Every structure is written in structure tokens, then in C-alpha cells.
N, C-alpha and C. Protein backbone atom coordinates (compact mmCIF):
# COMPACT_ATOMS: atom_id res chain seq x y z
N MET A 1 40.16 -16.71 4.81
CA MET A 1 39.35 -15.22 4.16
C MET A 1 37.97 -15.61 3.83
N ILE A 2 37.68 -16.54 2.68
CA ILE A 2 36.63 -16.94 2.03
C ILE A 2 35.82 -17.71 3.33
N ARG A 3 36.33 -18.33 3.94
CA ARG A 3 35.99 -19.24 4.81
C ARG A 3 35.18 -18.16 5.90
N GLU A 4 35.76 -17.02 6.20
CA GLU A 4 35.55 -16.68 7.52
C GLU A 4 34.21 -15.90 7.03
N LYS A 5 34.68 -15.16 5.95
CA LYS A 5 33.01 -14.14 5.39
C LYS A 5 32.01 -15.31 5.07
N GLN A 6 32.13 -16.03 4.58
CA GLN A 6 31.10 -16.99 4.55
C GLN A 6 30.37 -17.66 5.76
N LYS A 7 31.43 -17.59 6.72
CA LYS A 7 30.81 -18.09 8.60
C LYS A 7 29.93 -16.76 9.12
N LYS A 8 30.38 -15.73 8.63
CA LYS A 8 29.92 -14.06 9.00
C LYS A 8 28.65 -13.90 8.38
N THR A 9 28.65 -14.39 6.81
CA THR A 9 27.57 -14.42 6.15
C THR A 9 26.11 -15.24 7.00
N THR A 10 26.63 -16.58 7.13
CA THR A 10 25.52 -17.30 7.78
C THR A 10 24.98 -17.00 8.95
N ARG A 11 26.06 -16.70 10.14
CA ARG A 11 25.80 -15.84 11.13
C ARG A 11 24.99 -14.59 11.27
N ASN A 12 24.79 -14.14 10.07
CA ASN A 12 24.20 -12.66 10.01
C ASN A 12 22.74 -13.03 9.49
N ASN A 13 22.71 -14.38 8.66
CA ASN A 13 21.83 -14.74 7.93
C ASN A 13 20.39 -15.25 9.38
N GLN A 14 21.56 -16.05 10.26
CA GLN A 14 20.37 -16.84 11.13
C GLN A 14 20.19 -15.87 11.97
N ARG A 15 20.60 -14.25 12.39
CA ARG A 15 20.30 -13.25 13.24
C ARG A 15 19.36 -12.83 12.54
N THR A 16 19.29 -12.52 11.11
CA THR A 16 18.07 -11.66 10.31
C THR A 16 16.83 -13.02 10.79
N ARG A 17 17.15 -13.86 10.20
CA ARG A 17 15.98 -14.76 10.61
C ARG A 17 15.50 -14.84 11.92
N GLN A 18 16.02 -15.27 13.20
CA GLN A 18 15.55 -14.76 14.25
C GLN A 18 15.16 -13.53 14.81
N THR A 19 15.45 -12.61 14.46
CA THR A 19 14.78 -11.35 14.43
C THR A 19 13.48 -11.25 13.82
N ARG A 20 13.44 -11.41 12.74
CA ARG A 20 12.32 -11.32 11.97
C ARG A 20 11.16 -12.17 12.74
N GLY A 21 11.65 -13.63 12.76
CA GLY A 21 10.88 -14.22 13.38
C GLY A 21 10.50 -13.76 14.72
N ALA A 22 11.36 -13.01 15.41
CA ALA A 22 10.83 -12.62 16.56
C ALA A 22 9.81 -11.17 16.36
N ILE A 23 9.77 -10.24 15.30
CA ILE A 23 9.12 -9.56 15.11
C ILE A 23 7.56 -10.33 14.74
N ARG A 24 7.49 -11.01 13.68
CA ARG A 24 6.07 -11.75 13.45
C ARG A 24 5.67 -12.44 14.72
N GLN A 25 6.27 -13.10 15.47
CA GLN A 25 5.56 -13.93 16.73
C GLN A 25 5.39 -12.90 17.53
N ALA A 26 5.91 -11.59 17.74
CA ALA A 26 5.27 -10.42 18.50
C ALA A 26 3.83 -9.64 18.25
N VAL A 27 3.90 -9.82 16.80
CA VAL A 27 2.64 -9.34 16.35
C VAL A 27 1.21 -10.32 16.13
N LEU A 28 1.89 -12.01 16.26
CA LEU A 28 0.77 -12.50 16.21
C LEU A 28 0.24 -12.47 17.60
N ALA A 29 1.21 -12.71 19.22
CA ALA A 29 1.05 -12.56 20.14
C ALA A 29 0.03 -11.36 20.80
N MET A 30 0.45 -10.06 20.15
CA MET A 30 -0.29 -9.11 20.27
C MET A 30 -2.01 -9.19 19.72
N LEU A 31 -2.10 -9.65 18.60
CA LEU A 31 -3.64 -10.08 18.38
C LEU A 31 -4.72 -10.57 19.25
N GLU A 32 -4.00 -11.49 20.17
CA GLU A 32 -4.85 -12.23 21.39
C GLU A 32 -5.61 -11.04 21.69
N HIS A 33 -5.20 -9.61 21.89
CA HIS A 33 -6.15 -8.70 22.43
C HIS A 33 -6.08 -7.53 21.95
N THR A 34 -5.16 -7.14 21.07
CA THR A 34 -5.12 -5.52 20.08
C THR A 34 -5.68 -6.11 18.45
N PRO A 35 -7.00 -5.35 18.12
CA PRO A 35 -6.77 -4.94 16.42
C PRO A 35 -5.33 -4.83 16.43
N PHE A 36 -5.60 -5.68 14.71
CA PHE A 36 -4.28 -5.32 14.02
C PHE A 36 -3.89 -3.71 13.86
N LEU A 37 -5.04 -3.18 13.18
CA LEU A 37 -4.83 -1.60 12.81
C LEU A 37 -4.60 -1.18 14.13
N LYS A 38 -4.70 -1.20 15.50
CA LYS A 38 -4.16 -0.40 16.64
C LYS A 38 -2.85 -0.63 17.05
N ILE A 39 -2.31 -1.86 16.72
CA ILE A 39 -1.00 -2.26 17.11
C ILE A 39 0.33 -1.30 16.44
N THR A 40 1.01 -1.10 17.49
CA THR A 40 1.92 0.03 16.94
C THR A 40 3.49 -0.72 16.94
N VAL A 41 4.15 -0.04 16.13
CA VAL A 41 5.83 -0.43 16.05
C VAL A 41 6.48 -0.48 17.42
N THR A 42 6.18 0.34 18.17
CA THR A 42 6.74 0.65 19.50
C THR A 42 6.50 -0.56 20.25
N GLU A 43 5.30 -0.78 20.19
CA GLU A 43 4.65 -2.08 21.13
C GLU A 43 5.21 -3.48 20.85
N VAL A 44 5.57 -3.94 19.28
CA VAL A 44 6.22 -5.05 18.70
C VAL A 44 7.30 -4.66 19.27
N CYS A 45 8.10 -3.51 19.07
CA CYS A 45 9.47 -3.47 19.32
C CYS A 45 10.05 -3.88 20.74
N SER A 46 8.92 -3.70 21.80
CA SER A 46 9.16 -3.59 23.24
C SER A 46 8.88 -5.35 23.68
N ARG A 47 7.72 -5.83 23.05
CA ARG A 47 7.39 -7.40 23.11
C ARG A 47 8.91 -8.14 22.09
N ALA A 48 9.20 -8.26 21.33
CA ALA A 48 10.33 -8.67 20.59
C ALA A 48 11.86 -8.11 21.04
N ARG A 49 11.88 -7.10 22.14
CA ARG A 49 12.78 -6.84 22.93
C ARG A 49 13.75 -6.23 21.78
N ILE A 50 13.49 -5.34 20.85
CA ILE A 50 14.54 -4.78 19.89
C ILE A 50 14.17 -3.45 19.80
N ASN A 51 14.94 -2.48 19.27
CA ASN A 51 14.96 -0.86 19.02
C ASN A 51 14.20 -1.01 17.90
N ARG A 52 13.16 0.41 17.75
CA ARG A 52 12.58 0.62 16.15
C ARG A 52 14.01 0.58 15.19
N GLY A 53 14.99 1.05 15.07
CA GLY A 53 16.02 1.23 13.96
C GLY A 53 16.33 -0.72 13.76
N THR A 54 16.12 -1.33 14.60
CA THR A 54 16.07 -2.44 14.41
C THR A 54 15.08 -3.12 13.45
N PHE A 55 13.93 -2.58 13.67
CA PHE A 55 12.56 -3.42 13.28
C PHE A 55 12.62 -2.81 12.02
N TYR A 56 13.06 -1.62 11.67
CA TYR A 56 12.97 -0.60 10.25
C TYR A 56 13.97 -1.25 9.15
N LEU A 57 15.18 -1.86 9.82
CA LEU A 57 16.21 -2.49 9.13
C LEU A 57 15.51 -3.73 8.37
N HIS A 58 14.24 -4.73 8.99
CA HIS A 58 13.99 -5.97 8.57
C HIS A 58 12.68 -5.24 8.17
N TYR A 59 11.88 -4.49 8.58
CA TYR A 59 10.72 -4.19 7.46
C TYR A 59 10.13 -3.08 7.54
N TYR A 60 9.79 -2.69 6.20
CA TYR A 60 9.11 -1.19 6.14
C TYR A 60 7.97 -0.76 7.29
N ASP A 61 6.67 -1.76 7.35
CA ASP A 61 6.36 -1.12 8.74
C ASP A 61 5.66 -2.46 8.90
N LEU A 62 4.29 -2.23 9.38
CA LEU A 62 3.39 -3.78 9.90
C LEU A 62 2.88 -4.32 8.85
N GLU A 63 2.37 -4.07 8.09
CA GLU A 63 1.48 -4.20 6.64
C GLU A 63 2.46 -4.91 6.04
N ASP A 64 4.15 -4.75 6.05
CA ASP A 64 5.16 -5.48 5.55
C ASP A 64 5.46 -6.72 6.19
N VAL A 65 5.26 -6.81 7.95
CA VAL A 65 5.19 -7.89 8.41
C VAL A 65 4.02 -8.77 8.48
N LEU A 66 2.93 -8.05 8.36
CA LEU A 66 1.62 -9.17 8.15
C LEU A 66 1.71 -9.59 6.97
N ASP A 67 2.34 -9.31 5.81
CA ASP A 67 2.76 -10.05 4.44
C ASP A 67 3.54 -11.10 4.57
N ASP A 68 4.54 -10.82 5.52
CA ASP A 68 5.28 -12.00 5.98
C ASP A 68 4.69 -13.08 6.44
N ILE A 69 3.87 -12.94 7.27
CA ILE A 69 2.86 -13.75 8.09
C ILE A 69 2.01 -14.62 7.20
N LEU A 70 1.25 -13.96 6.42
CA LEU A 70 0.60 -14.16 5.50
C LEU A 70 1.35 -15.71 4.39
N GLU A 71 2.42 -14.78 3.90
CA GLU A 71 3.31 -15.66 2.81
C GLU A 71 3.85 -16.87 3.65
N GLU A 72 3.88 -16.73 4.91
CA GLU A 72 4.45 -18.02 5.68
C GLU A 72 3.13 -19.31 5.80
N MET A 73 2.30 -18.33 6.23
CA MET A 73 0.96 -19.35 6.34
C MET A 73 0.30 -19.95 4.88
N PHE A 74 0.02 -19.14 4.12
CA PHE A 74 0.31 -19.87 2.36
C PHE A 74 1.38 -21.01 1.69
N GLN A 75 2.54 -20.82 2.79
CA GLN A 75 3.43 -21.63 2.01
C GLN A 75 2.97 -22.71 1.66
N ASN A 76 2.40 -23.89 2.51
CA ASN A 76 2.28 -25.27 2.69
C ASN A 76 0.91 -25.61 2.18
N THR A 77 -0.05 -24.78 1.65
CA THR A 77 -1.24 -24.81 1.37
C THR A 77 -1.57 -25.00 0.06
N ALA A 78 -1.96 -26.05 -0.15
CA ALA A 78 -2.15 -26.61 -1.42
C ALA A 78 -3.68 -25.63 -2.75
N GLY A 79 -3.02 -26.00 -3.81
CA GLY A 79 -4.07 -25.01 -4.53
C GLY A 79 -5.24 -25.55 -4.61
N ILE A 80 -6.42 -24.65 -5.08
CA ILE A 80 -7.68 -25.42 -4.81
C ILE A 80 -7.67 -26.40 -5.59
N PHE A 81 -7.69 -26.25 -7.08
CA PHE A 81 -7.81 -27.49 -7.66
C PHE A 81 -7.22 -28.59 -7.42
N SER A 82 -5.80 -28.47 -7.05
CA SER A 82 -5.05 -29.76 -6.49
C SER A 82 -5.50 -30.27 -5.52
N TYR A 83 -6.08 -29.50 -4.49
CA TYR A 83 -6.82 -30.36 -3.21
C TYR A 83 -8.34 -30.71 -3.68
N LEU A 84 -8.96 -30.26 -4.20
CA LEU A 84 -10.44 -30.61 -4.47
C LEU A 84 -10.60 -32.28 -5.13
N PHE A 85 -9.44 -32.28 -6.40
CA PHE A 85 -9.50 -33.08 -7.21
C PHE A 85 -8.61 -34.28 -7.45
N HIS A 86 -7.29 -33.64 -6.83
CA HIS A 86 -6.13 -34.70 -6.97
C HIS A 86 -5.70 -34.40 -5.11
N PRO A 87 -6.70 -35.09 -4.16
CA PRO A 87 -6.18 -34.88 -2.70
C PRO A 87 -4.89 -36.05 -2.26
N GLU A 88 -4.98 -36.76 -3.46
CA GLU A 88 -3.76 -37.96 -3.13
C GLU A 88 -2.38 -37.24 -3.40
N GLU A 89 -2.17 -36.33 -4.24
CA GLU A 89 -1.23 -35.74 -4.92
C GLU A 89 -0.60 -34.66 -3.62
N THR A 90 -1.82 -34.10 -3.09
CA THR A 90 -1.66 -32.77 -1.77
C THR A 90 -0.93 -33.49 -0.26
N GLU A 91 -1.45 -34.94 -0.23
CA GLU A 91 -1.07 -35.77 0.89
C GLU A 91 0.37 -35.64 0.79
N ASP A 92 0.48 -36.54 -0.43
CA ASP A 92 1.94 -37.00 -1.07
C ASP A 92 3.37 -35.62 -0.55
N HIS A 93 2.82 -34.57 -1.15
CA HIS A 93 3.59 -33.69 -1.11
C HIS A 93 3.59 -32.50 0.27
N ARG A 94 2.73 -33.30 1.06
CA ARG A 94 2.19 -32.75 2.87
C ARG A 94 2.06 -31.14 2.59
N ALA A 95 1.26 -31.17 1.65
CA ALA A 95 0.39 -30.07 1.27
C ALA A 95 -1.21 -29.81 1.85
N CYS A 96 -1.57 -28.87 2.28
CA CYS A 96 -3.01 -29.15 2.83
C CYS A 96 -3.90 -27.73 2.56
N ALA A 97 -5.02 -28.10 2.67
CA ALA A 97 -6.19 -26.83 2.39
C ALA A 97 -5.88 -25.81 3.38
N LEU A 98 -6.19 -24.72 3.05
CA LEU A 98 -5.79 -23.70 4.06
C LEU A 98 -6.44 -23.46 5.22
N CYS A 99 -7.76 -24.16 5.11
CA CYS A 99 -8.94 -24.30 6.57
C CYS A 99 -8.07 -25.06 7.35
N ALA A 100 -7.38 -26.62 7.02
CA ALA A 100 -6.89 -27.31 7.34
C ALA A 100 -5.47 -26.83 8.14
N SER A 101 -4.78 -26.21 7.30
CA SER A 101 -3.76 -25.15 7.78
C SER A 101 -3.99 -24.59 8.95
N VAL A 102 -4.93 -23.41 8.76
CA VAL A 102 -5.63 -22.72 9.63
C VAL A 102 -5.84 -23.52 11.45
N HIS A 103 -6.60 -24.70 10.98
CA HIS A 103 -7.16 -25.36 12.12
C HIS A 103 -6.29 -26.22 12.90
N GLY A 104 -4.98 -26.29 12.32
CA GLY A 104 -4.10 -26.99 13.14
C GLY A 104 -3.01 -26.59 13.38
N ASP A 105 -2.69 -25.05 13.34
CA ASP A 105 -1.60 -24.30 13.87
C ASP A 105 -2.45 -23.16 14.37
N ALA A 106 -2.46 -22.98 15.97
CA ALA A 106 -3.29 -22.00 16.68
C ALA A 106 -2.27 -20.65 16.61
N ARG A 107 -1.35 -20.56 16.09
CA ARG A 107 -0.80 -19.21 15.70
C ARG A 107 -1.70 -18.33 14.36
N TYR A 108 -2.30 -19.04 13.40
CA TYR A 108 -3.08 -18.42 12.69
C TYR A 108 -4.30 -18.33 12.87
N ARG A 109 -4.88 -18.81 13.83
CA ARG A 109 -6.30 -18.76 13.89
C ARG A 109 -6.78 -17.27 14.12
N LEU A 110 -6.13 -16.38 15.05
CA LEU A 110 -6.92 -15.27 15.29
C LEU A 110 -6.44 -14.07 14.02
N LEU A 111 -5.73 -14.46 12.91
CA LEU A 111 -5.74 -13.99 11.62
C LEU A 111 -6.88 -14.09 10.88
N PHE A 112 -8.10 -15.07 10.97
CA PHE A 112 -9.21 -15.25 10.39
C PHE A 112 -9.95 -14.24 11.63
N LEU A 113 -9.73 -13.83 12.38
CA LEU A 113 -11.04 -13.53 13.11
C LEU A 113 -10.78 -11.89 13.32
N ASP A 114 -9.52 -10.95 12.53
CA ASP A 114 -9.30 -10.01 12.84
C ASP A 114 -9.81 -8.97 11.21
N GLY A 115 -10.90 -8.00 11.36
CA GLY A 115 -11.87 -7.82 10.38
C GLY A 115 -10.40 -7.28 8.82
N HIS A 116 -9.58 -6.85 9.40
CA HIS A 116 -8.71 -6.06 8.53
C HIS A 116 -7.51 -7.13 7.84
N ILE A 117 -7.28 -7.95 8.99
CA ILE A 117 -6.52 -9.18 8.34
C ILE A 117 -7.22 -10.19 7.07
N SER A 118 -8.56 -10.33 7.38
CA SER A 118 -8.88 -11.30 6.60
C SER A 118 -9.19 -10.67 5.19
N GLY A 119 -9.04 -9.49 5.40
CA GLY A 119 -9.43 -8.68 3.89
C GLY A 119 -7.93 -8.74 3.02
N GLN A 120 -6.80 -8.41 3.84
CA GLN A 120 -5.52 -9.18 3.31
C GLN A 120 -5.45 -10.82 2.74
N ILE A 121 -6.19 -11.78 3.70
CA ILE A 121 -6.33 -12.88 3.41
C ILE A 121 -6.81 -13.10 1.95
N LEU A 122 -7.54 -12.61 1.49
CA LEU A 122 -8.36 -12.50 0.32
C LEU A 122 -7.65 -12.06 -0.88
N LYS A 123 -7.21 -11.17 -0.24
CA LYS A 123 -5.82 -10.55 -1.54
C LYS A 123 -4.93 -11.27 -1.95
N LYS A 124 -4.41 -11.93 -0.68
CA LYS A 124 -3.17 -12.73 -0.78
C LYS A 124 -3.52 -14.16 -1.77
N ALA A 125 -4.99 -14.84 -1.18
CA ALA A 125 -5.30 -15.89 -1.59
C ALA A 125 -5.56 -15.76 -3.40
N SER A 126 -6.24 -14.42 -3.63
CA SER A 126 -6.65 -14.05 -5.01
C SER A 126 -5.07 -14.13 -5.93
N ALA A 127 -4.30 -13.39 -5.55
CA ALA A 127 -2.84 -13.02 -5.81
C ALA A 127 -2.13 -14.48 -6.42
N LEU A 128 -2.29 -15.60 -5.22
CA LEU A 128 -2.04 -17.16 -5.40
C LEU A 128 -2.59 -17.71 -6.29
N TYR A 129 -3.73 -17.70 -6.32
CA TYR A 129 -5.22 -18.42 -6.79
C TYR A 129 -5.73 -18.26 -8.11
N LYS A 130 -6.27 -17.18 -8.23
CA LYS A 130 -7.25 -16.77 -9.15
C LYS A 130 -6.80 -16.94 -10.49
N GLU A 131 -5.76 -16.08 -10.85
CA GLU A 131 -5.09 -16.68 -12.48
C GLU A 131 -5.07 -18.20 -12.73
N ASP A 132 -4.22 -19.04 -12.12
CA ASP A 132 -4.86 -20.84 -12.30
C ASP A 132 -6.21 -21.05 -12.19
N TYR A 133 -6.50 -20.72 -11.18
CA TYR A 133 -8.12 -21.31 -10.93
C TYR A 133 -8.96 -20.60 -12.51
N VAL A 134 -9.04 -19.42 -12.70
CA VAL A 134 -10.57 -18.88 -13.71
C VAL A 134 -9.47 -19.49 -15.25
N THR A 135 -8.17 -19.37 -15.56
CA THR A 135 -7.83 -19.81 -16.45
C THR A 135 -8.14 -21.42 -16.79
N TYR A 136 -8.50 -22.13 -15.66
CA TYR A 136 -8.20 -23.94 -16.04
C TYR A 136 -9.95 -24.01 -15.71
N LEU A 137 -10.96 -23.03 -15.25
CA LEU A 137 -11.94 -23.47 -15.42
C LEU A 137 -12.75 -23.00 -17.20
N MET A 138 -11.85 -21.81 -17.17
CA MET A 138 -12.32 -21.46 -18.71
C MET A 138 -12.01 -22.15 -20.02
N SER A 139 -10.75 -23.11 -19.43
CA SER A 139 -10.18 -24.12 -20.36
C SER A 139 -10.79 -25.35 -20.20
N HIS A 140 -11.55 -25.54 -19.36
CA HIS A 140 -12.22 -26.74 -19.19
C HIS A 140 -13.86 -26.74 -19.41
N SER A 141 -14.42 -25.53 -19.57
CA SER A 141 -15.92 -25.29 -19.56
C SER A 141 -16.43 -24.48 -20.59
N LEU A 142 -17.54 -23.89 -20.67
CA LEU A 142 -17.77 -22.67 -21.83
C LEU A 142 -18.04 -21.52 -20.59
N LEU A 143 -17.67 -21.15 -19.32
CA LEU A 143 -17.68 -20.42 -18.69
C LEU A 143 -16.74 -18.97 -19.18
N THR A 144 -17.20 -17.65 -19.12
CA THR A 144 -16.78 -16.93 -19.51
C THR A 144 -15.67 -16.34 -18.24
N PHE A 145 -15.07 -15.08 -18.66
CA PHE A 145 -14.06 -15.13 -17.75
C PHE A 145 -14.58 -14.46 -16.44
N GLN A 146 -15.77 -13.41 -16.69
CA GLN A 146 -16.57 -12.45 -15.79
C GLN A 146 -17.28 -14.06 -14.88
N GLU A 147 -17.72 -15.28 -15.14
CA GLU A 147 -18.35 -15.85 -14.99
C GLU A 147 -17.30 -16.80 -13.81
N ALA A 148 -16.19 -17.39 -14.04
CA ALA A 148 -15.19 -17.90 -13.80
C ALA A 148 -14.71 -17.04 -12.44
N GLU A 149 -14.44 -15.72 -12.45
CA GLU A 149 -13.92 -14.94 -11.82
C GLU A 149 -14.91 -14.53 -10.46
N ALA A 150 -16.10 -14.95 -10.94
CA ALA A 150 -17.11 -14.70 -9.89
C ALA A 150 -17.19 -15.85 -9.10
N ILE A 151 -17.28 -17.24 -9.63
CA ILE A 151 -17.08 -18.41 -9.02
C ILE A 151 -15.75 -18.59 -7.94
N PHE A 152 -14.97 -17.95 -8.12
CA PHE A 152 -13.82 -18.06 -7.26
C PHE A 152 -13.81 -16.90 -6.14
N CYS A 153 -14.56 -15.73 -6.66
CA CYS A 153 -14.59 -14.81 -5.25
C CYS A 153 -15.67 -15.77 -4.59
N PHE A 154 -16.66 -16.35 -5.04
CA PHE A 154 -17.72 -16.55 -4.09
C PHE A 154 -17.42 -17.79 -3.17
N GLN A 155 -16.19 -18.82 -3.88
CA GLN A 155 -15.42 -19.92 -2.96
C GLN A 155 -14.54 -19.13 -2.06
N MET A 156 -13.91 -18.30 -2.30
CA MET A 156 -12.91 -17.59 -1.40
C MET A 156 -13.63 -16.81 -0.23
N ASN A 157 -14.42 -15.89 -0.76
CA ASN A 157 -15.43 -15.81 0.56
C ASN A 157 -15.98 -16.63 1.19
N GLY A 158 -16.76 -17.36 0.47
CA GLY A 158 -17.06 -18.41 1.63
C GLY A 158 -16.26 -19.20 2.55
N CYS A 159 -15.51 -19.63 1.97
CA CYS A 159 -14.22 -20.17 2.75
C CYS A 159 -13.87 -19.55 4.10
N LEU A 160 -13.96 -18.22 3.85
CA LEU A 160 -13.24 -17.22 4.91
C LEU A 160 -14.09 -17.21 5.80
N ALA A 161 -15.72 -16.80 5.27
CA ALA A 161 -16.75 -16.92 6.17
C ALA A 161 -16.67 -18.04 7.62
N VAL A 162 -16.50 -19.27 6.37
CA VAL A 162 -16.95 -20.46 7.26
C VAL A 162 -16.18 -20.57 8.20
N ASN A 163 -14.41 -20.53 8.03
CA ASN A 163 -13.79 -20.63 8.69
C ASN A 163 -14.03 -19.77 9.83
N ARG A 164 -13.92 -18.44 9.84
CA ARG A 164 -14.30 -17.63 10.88
C ARG A 164 -15.60 -18.09 12.02
N MET A 165 -16.38 -18.47 11.03
CA MET A 165 -17.64 -19.07 12.14
C MET A 165 -17.39 -20.22 12.83
N MET A 166 -16.36 -21.03 12.51
CA MET A 166 -15.95 -22.25 13.11
C MET A 166 -15.24 -21.87 13.87
N LEU A 167 -13.90 -20.71 13.92
CA LEU A 167 -13.29 -20.40 15.16
C LEU A 167 -14.12 -19.86 15.93
N GLU A 168 -14.81 -19.10 15.89
CA GLU A 168 -15.57 -18.19 16.86
C GLU A 168 -16.91 -19.05 17.60
N ASN A 169 -17.04 -20.28 17.20
CA ASN A 169 -18.24 -21.26 17.98
C ASN A 169 -16.91 -22.49 18.34
N ARG A 170 -15.81 -22.49 18.04
CA ARG A 170 -15.03 -23.47 18.52
C ARG A 170 -15.67 -24.86 17.90
N CYS A 171 -15.83 -24.70 16.87
CA CYS A 171 -16.60 -26.10 16.55
C CYS A 171 -15.53 -27.64 16.14
N PRO A 172 -15.83 -28.21 16.93
CA PRO A 172 -15.21 -29.74 17.29
C PRO A 172 -15.07 -30.50 16.25
N ASP A 173 -15.63 -30.64 15.22
CA ASP A 173 -15.76 -31.58 14.36
C ASP A 173 -15.57 -30.50 12.44
N TRP A 174 -14.35 -29.79 12.87
CA TRP A 174 -14.45 -29.09 11.77
C TRP A 174 -14.22 -29.99 10.30
N ARG A 175 -13.65 -30.82 10.55
CA ARG A 175 -12.80 -31.92 9.51
C ARG A 175 -14.47 -32.41 8.81
N GLN A 176 -15.46 -32.64 9.33
CA GLN A 176 -16.54 -32.83 9.38
C GLN A 176 -17.14 -32.23 8.09
N ILE A 177 -17.48 -30.72 8.76
CA ILE A 177 -17.95 -29.62 7.70
C ILE A 177 -16.88 -29.55 6.57
N GLN A 178 -15.59 -29.53 6.75
CA GLN A 178 -14.80 -29.16 5.91
C GLN A 178 -15.30 -30.36 4.48
N ARG A 179 -15.64 -32.02 4.82
CA ARG A 179 -15.80 -32.84 3.76
C ARG A 179 -17.00 -32.25 3.41
N VAL A 180 -18.25 -31.87 3.64
CA VAL A 180 -19.56 -31.59 3.21
C VAL A 180 -18.99 -30.64 2.17
N LEU A 181 -18.48 -29.55 2.74
CA LEU A 181 -18.10 -28.32 1.78
C LEU A 181 -17.48 -28.47 0.48
N ASP A 182 -16.76 -29.45 0.99
CA ASP A 182 -15.66 -29.77 -0.12
C ASP A 182 -16.48 -31.05 -1.41
N GLY A 183 -17.22 -31.69 -0.90
CA GLY A 183 -17.93 -32.28 -1.68
C GLY A 183 -19.31 -31.34 -2.73
N PHE A 184 -19.47 -30.40 -1.78
CA PHE A 184 -20.30 -29.39 -2.30
C PHE A 184 -19.70 -28.29 -3.34
N ILE A 185 -18.46 -27.98 -3.06
CA ILE A 185 -17.78 -27.30 -3.84
C ILE A 185 -17.36 -28.72 -5.12
N ARG A 186 -16.99 -29.43 -5.20
CA ARG A 186 -16.43 -30.26 -5.99
C ARG A 186 -17.71 -30.57 -6.98
N ALA A 187 -18.63 -31.29 -6.71
CA ALA A 187 -19.94 -31.60 -7.57
C ALA A 187 -20.45 -30.13 -7.99
N GLY A 188 -19.95 -28.80 -7.90
CA GLY A 188 -20.42 -27.70 -8.33
C GLY A 188 -19.65 -27.84 -9.84
N MET A 189 -18.20 -27.76 -9.38
CA MET A 189 -17.44 -27.76 -10.20
C MET A 189 -17.51 -28.77 -11.41
N GLU A 190 -17.34 -29.95 -11.10
CA GLU A 190 -17.97 -31.07 -11.95
C GLU A 190 -19.08 -30.91 -13.29
N HIS A 191 -20.09 -30.14 -12.14
CA HIS A 191 -21.16 -30.05 -13.25
C HIS A 191 -20.94 -28.99 -14.34
N PHE A 192 -20.06 -27.82 -14.20
CA PHE A 192 -19.08 -27.36 -15.43
C PHE A 192 -18.18 -27.99 -15.93
N LEU A 193 -17.38 -28.49 -15.39
CA LEU A 193 -16.48 -29.03 -16.29
C LEU A 193 -16.70 -29.85 -16.83
N ILE A 194 -17.33 -31.12 -16.30
CA ILE A 194 -18.16 -32.25 -17.19
C ILE A 194 -19.60 -32.10 -18.48
N HIS A 195 -20.47 -31.03 -17.71
CA HIS A 195 -21.52 -30.96 -18.21
C HIS A 195 -22.16 -29.33 -18.42
N ASP A 196 -21.89 -28.66 -19.18
CA ASP A 196 -22.10 -27.38 -18.73
C ASP A 196 -23.74 -27.00 -19.31
N GLN A 197 -24.14 -26.20 -17.85
CA GLN A 197 -25.71 -25.85 -18.15
C GLN A 197 -25.95 -25.28 -19.35
N ARG A 198 -25.48 -24.44 -19.86
CA ARG A 198 -26.03 -23.77 -21.39
C ARG A 198 -25.92 -24.94 -22.79
N ASP A 199 -25.37 -26.50 -22.07
CA ASP A 199 -25.85 -27.54 -23.49
C ASP A 199 -27.29 -27.67 -23.24
N GLU A 200 -27.45 -27.29 -22.14
CA GLU A 200 -29.22 -27.79 -22.23
C GLU A 200 -30.15 -27.18 -22.65
N ASN A 201 -29.26 -25.66 -22.96
CA ASN A 201 -30.80 -24.77 -22.96
C ASN A 201 -29.91 -24.16 -24.93
N GLY A 202 -29.50 -25.20 -25.34
CA GLY A 202 -29.26 -24.69 -26.60
C GLY A 202 -28.15 -23.50 -27.10
N TRP A 203 -27.65 -23.30 -25.96
CA TRP A 203 -26.30 -22.57 -26.35
C TRP A 203 -25.36 -22.93 -27.01
N THR A 204 -25.01 -24.20 -27.07
CA THR A 204 -23.71 -24.28 -27.98
C THR A 204 -24.39 -24.55 -28.89
N ALA A 205 -25.86 -24.78 -29.56
CA ALA A 205 -25.92 -25.15 -30.87
C ALA A 205 -26.17 -24.04 -31.61
N GLY A 206 -26.91 -22.82 -30.99
CA GLY A 206 -27.03 -21.85 -31.37
C GLY A 206 -25.83 -20.86 -31.75
N ARG A 207 -24.69 -21.05 -30.78
CA ARG A 207 -23.64 -20.39 -31.31
C ARG A 207 -22.88 -20.93 -32.35
N ARG A 208 -23.10 -22.21 -32.65
CA ARG A 208 -22.29 -22.85 -33.57
C ARG A 208 -23.09 -22.31 -34.91
N GLY A 209 -24.59 -22.33 -34.15
CA GLY A 209 -25.63 -22.05 -35.74
C GLY A 209 -25.20 -20.42 -36.51
């Protein structure tokens, strides 16, 4: 009896994964010709070959589907500091920078070109990385919370803008651009982590005095 119940649960789990996967793929396919905000549940159901009742058994709405897609996209991406300062660790764990993940997987490229979705990508990146990023900067430099937060926002928005530009221009050598930008960001980080600008201005001495 227990074995039968386990088999039924496994079949149900497999069916759930397949259905959710079909819904996600339907949304990704529709993004090729339709902005996300104009996609409807009815159209997604038709493409995924399911009815609306089945859709709502698995997702609350299309924003819920999008969140699932972004979760999947971010799942194997390295944290910002891990990637910049310990690339050998990210390679060992088969994690990669977000831009490498996007350029290496055609399914996700359209996400960066959609105005609404790009905003959601920033929110998701902030939820995943911001706390650790800001905490690390503040604990290894003299930066305030507002300053560390501003650097985080600057880097995230810049990363998104560059990825959109490279995708729109079909950049053939994005890895070289990535290396240049990584070096630029790493040098800026090391400036604050190793030698804070305010030391030169007597800020530290004044603070101690």
C-alpha cells in the first residue's frame, strides 16, 4: 500500500514538473513576438495545451510564472563577490556569472530585452545579492550603508544595460567585453577594500581625533 502511494506521488510530481515546465516554455516562446504584459493566460494555455483550470492549479498568475522562470535562471549563477574575486571557486561549482548564463542559454536572452521583465530581474538580483554585497563592502571598508547600496545599484543596473546592448547588437565577442568590465569592477572594489579614499583626505584621522 505504501509503495503504491509512493509511486502515485512520484507520478504526480513528475506530471506537476512537466506541466509547470510546459507553462514556462510557452511564456518564453511567446516573448519572441509578444511583450510580457500583453501575454494572456488564455494564450499560454493554448500554447501549452492545457486548460485554464490546470494553469491556476500550478500558478497564481503570469507574474508567478515569470518569478519561477527567473528563479531557474538565477539558480546556477555565482554571487557577485564569489565570481569577481574567487573565479576558481565558481568554476569548481559549475556556477557562472549572470551574463555568461544568459549568453549561453538562448531561452533567457529575450528576458533582458523586455522592459517589464528587466525590472523584475533587478528586483530578483537585489533580493538574492544585495544583503551579502552591502554587508561585505561595509565590513571591509569605510563605506556607509548608503554608499555600499549605491555601488550595488550602479553595478546591477550597469550589468543589465550592457547585457541588453550586447544582445540587441548581437555582439560576437561578449566574453572579451565581460573580461574588461570585470577588471574595471574588480579594480574599483579593491580600491575601497584595500585603500579607502577617505584615508587620503584625513577622514580617518579626523574621526579618531
